[in-house]
Structure formats: structure tokens, C-alpha cells
């Protein structure tokens, strides 16, 4: 479960990594000896190169720039997501424009839900507020 704290590693990936490294999947990560932690690190780094995970489990198949199948983890995942969004915005695709405007991207309804911003409608007057007093007239 400690491996799922890494962004891009879920429970299934973590199980595959621990099985490949020969580490007990139910062991506490902080109590493992350094040799087993090093084996686990090595397997996770290989997993990023997609030699361990099956191709259907990779989160970056057919990369736009390289065409390679890789599994992106950690801060690289945030960076690639940001780059993909910037590319969509730059090429003015429908999804890129929706991301730019902060609207729903995947075809959800927007007429009745997903409303943000100022409240539109009738606002009630606060009770107990003193009425406006007329200005004193000069005689």
C-alpha cells in the first residue's frame, strides 16, 4: 500500500512490482531491509520503462512525440499532463478550448449543473436592518 503513494502507481502496479522484486507485498515498507528496498527501487525504475508491466496497463501508450509505450510516474506524470493540455490549447482543439475556458471537457451537461461563479437570482433583504432616515432639512 505504501507504493500507491507514488503518483501513477496503483494497487495492481504495486502488486506486480513487489512480486517481480521478490518482496512480501504485505510487509511494512519502513521495516524492510535496505537490500530489499534497493531491489524494489530497481524494479520500479524498470517499470517506468514498461518492460515489466503489460502493455494494456501502461498509462502513456503511443506518446505524441516519440510514439513509445511508457508508464509515467511521479512528477513526470504532472509534467506530461500539463504539456498535453498546453499542446491542445496551442492547436486550438475542442478539448483545449474547453480546458482554457474552465468548462466540462468530456461531454457532460452544463445547462443545469457544474455552475460556478456569482449567484444569479433574487437576493433577500436582511432582516433587522434599520431603514434609511431622510436627511435633516435646513430651516
Protein backbone atom coordinates (compact mmCIF):
# COMPACT_ATOMS: atom_id res chain seq x y z
CA UNK A 1 0.00 0.00 0.00
CA UNK A 2 2.92 2.37 0.57
CA UNK A 3 3.82 2.21 -3.13
CA UNK A 4 0.39 3.55 -4.07
CA UNK A 5 1.50 6.86 -2.57
CA UNK A 6 3.60 7.36 -5.71
CA UNK A 7 1.56 9.18 -8.32
CA UNK A 8 0.94 6.83 -11.25
CA UNK A 9 1.26 3.62 -9.20
CA UNK A 10 -1.99 1.94 -8.26
CA UNK A 11 -2.66 -1.21 -6.29
CA UNK A 12 -2.26 -3.51 -9.28
CA UNK A 13 1.04 -1.93 -10.37
CA UNK A 14 2.34 -2.06 -6.80
CA UNK A 15 1.47 -5.77 -6.59
CA UNK A 16 3.29 -6.50 -9.86
CA UNK A 17 6.34 -4.54 -8.69
CA UNK A 18 6.55 -6.35 -5.34
CA UNK A 19 6.09 -9.78 -6.97
CA UNK A 20 8.80 -9.05 -9.55
CA UNK A 21 11.20 -7.82 -6.85
CA UNK A 22 10.52 -10.84 -4.64
CA UNK A 23 9.38 -8.68 -1.72
CA UNK A 24 6.49 -9.57 0.58
CA UNK A 25 3.57 -7.39 -0.60
CA UNK A 26 2.08 -7.25 2.90
CA UNK A 27 5.31 -6.17 4.63
CA UNK A 28 5.64 -2.67 6.07
CA UNK A 29 7.87 -0.60 3.80
CA UNK A 30 9.68 1.12 6.67
CA UNK A 31 10.68 -2.22 8.24
CA UNK A 32 12.21 -3.74 5.08
CA UNK A 33 15.99 -4.18 4.93
CA UNK A 34 17.95 -1.88 2.61
CA UNK A 35 18.73 -4.69 0.17
CA UNK A 36 15.03 -5.37 -0.49
CA UNK A 37 14.29 -1.65 -0.82
CA UNK A 38 17.07 -1.39 -3.43
CA UNK A 39 15.57 -4.33 -5.35
CA UNK A 40 12.17 -2.66 -5.23
CA UNK A 41 13.62 0.67 -6.47
CA UNK A 42 15.30 -1.09 -9.37
CA UNK A 43 12.08 -2.85 -10.38
CA UNK A 44 10.07 0.38 -10.19
CA UNK A 45 12.58 2.20 -12.39
CA UNK A 46 12.35 -0.66 -14.93
CA UNK A 47 8.57 -0.44 -14.69
CA UNK A 48 8.77 3.15 -15.87
CA UNK A 49 10.50 1.84 -19.00
CA UNK A 50 7.49 -0.51 -19.43
CA UNK A 51 9.45 -3.76 -19.53
CA UNK A 52 7.60 -5.20 -16.51
CA UNK A 53 4.01 -4.04 -16.87
CA UNK A 54 1.80 -5.46 -19.62
CA UNK A 55 1.15 -3.05 -22.48
CA UNK A 56 -2.54 -2.66 -21.64
CA UNK A 57 -1.63 -1.41 -18.17
CA UNK A 58 0.61 1.46 -19.26
CA UNK A 59 -0.69 4.98 -18.78
CA UNK A 60 1.14 6.53 -21.76
CA UNK A 61 0.73 4.37 -24.85
CA UNK A 62 1.69 5.84 -28.21
CA UNK A 63 3.32 9.01 -26.90
CA UNK A 64 2.64 12.02 -29.15
CA UNK A 65 6.31 12.96 -29.58
CA UNK A 66 8.14 9.61 -29.51
CA UNK A 67 5.42 7.06 -30.22
CA UNK A 68 6.80 4.85 -27.44
CA UNK A 69 4.77 2.98 -24.84
CA UNK A 70 5.85 4.04 -21.34
CA UNK A 71 4.44 4.17 -17.83
CA UNK A 72 4.87 7.67 -16.38
CA UNK A 73 5.14 8.08 -12.59
CA UNK A 74 5.76 10.78 -10.02
CA UNK A 75 6.37 14.37 -11.05
CA UNK A 76 6.83 13.29 -14.67
CA UNK A 77 3.11 12.47 -14.73
CA UNK A 78 2.18 16.03 -13.72
CA UNK A 79 4.59 17.46 -16.26
CA UNK A 80 3.34 15.34 -19.18
CA UNK A 81 -0.29 16.15 -18.33
CA UNK A 82 0.48 19.88 -18.30
CA UNK A 83 2.39 19.59 -21.60
CA UNK A 84 -0.51 17.71 -23.22
CA UNK A 85 -3.00 20.35 -22.09
CA UNK A 86 -0.76 23.15 -23.36
CA UNK A 87 -0.44 21.39 -26.72
CA UNK A 88 -4.23 21.04 -27.00
CA UNK A 89 -4.66 24.73 -26.16
CA UNK A 90 -1.99 25.74 -28.66
CA UNK A 91 -3.51 23.74 -31.53
CA UNK A 92 -6.96 25.14 -30.60
CA UNK A 93 -8.63 21.74 -30.38
CA UNK A 94 -12.13 21.49 -28.93
CA UNK A 95 -10.82 19.93 -25.71
CA UNK A 96 -8.10 22.57 -25.44
CA UNK A 97 -10.61 25.41 -25.76
CA UNK A 98 -12.87 23.81 -23.12
CA UNK A 99 -9.86 23.47 -20.76
CA UNK A 100 -8.95 27.10 -21.39
CA UNK A 101 -12.41 28.32 -20.50
CA UNK A 102 -12.75 26.07 -17.47
CA UNK A 103 -15.75 24.20 -18.89
CA UNK A 104 -16.59 20.50 -18.90
CA UNK A 105 -14.48 18.61 -21.43
CA UNK A 106 -15.98 15.13 -21.66
CA UNK A 107 -19.48 15.85 -22.93
CA UNK A 108 -21.28 16.41 -19.64
CA UNK A 109 -24.32 18.64 -19.49
CA UNK A 110 -23.69 22.22 -18.49
CA UNK A 111 -27.19 23.67 -18.65
CA UNK A 112 -28.23 22.74 -15.13
CA UNK A 113 -25.11 21.51 -13.34
CA UNK A 114 -21.48 22.46 -12.96
CA UNK A 115 -22.29 26.09 -12.36
CA UNK A 116 -19.63 28.28 -10.83
CA UNK A 117 -19.25 31.97 -10.18
CA UNK A 118 -21.68 34.55 -8.86
CA UNK A 119 -25.14 33.53 -7.73
CA UNK A 120 -27.85 34.66 -10.12
CA UNK A 121 -31.36 35.19 -8.84
CA UNK A 122 -33.28 37.02 -6.18
CA UNK A 123 -31.42 38.08 -3.05
CA UNK A 124 -33.39 38.59 0.12
CA UNK A 125 -33.17 41.78 2.12
CA UNK A 126 -31.52 41.33 5.50
CA UNK A 127 -33.99 41.46 8.38
CA UNK A 128 -33.44 43.85 11.24
CA UNK A 129 -31.53 46.38 9.15
CA UNK A 130 -32.52 49.97 10.03
CA UNK A 131 -34.50 51.84 7.41
CA UNK A 132 -32.83 54.74 5.67
CA UNK A 133 -33.51 58.01 7.53
CA UNK A 134 -34.29 61.13 5.49
CA UNK A 135 -31.68 63.85 5.63
CA UNK A 136 -32.39 66.73 8.03
CA UNK A 137 -33.71 69.79 6.25
CA UNK A 138 -32.38 73.27 6.95
CA UNK A 139 -34.82 75.95 8.09
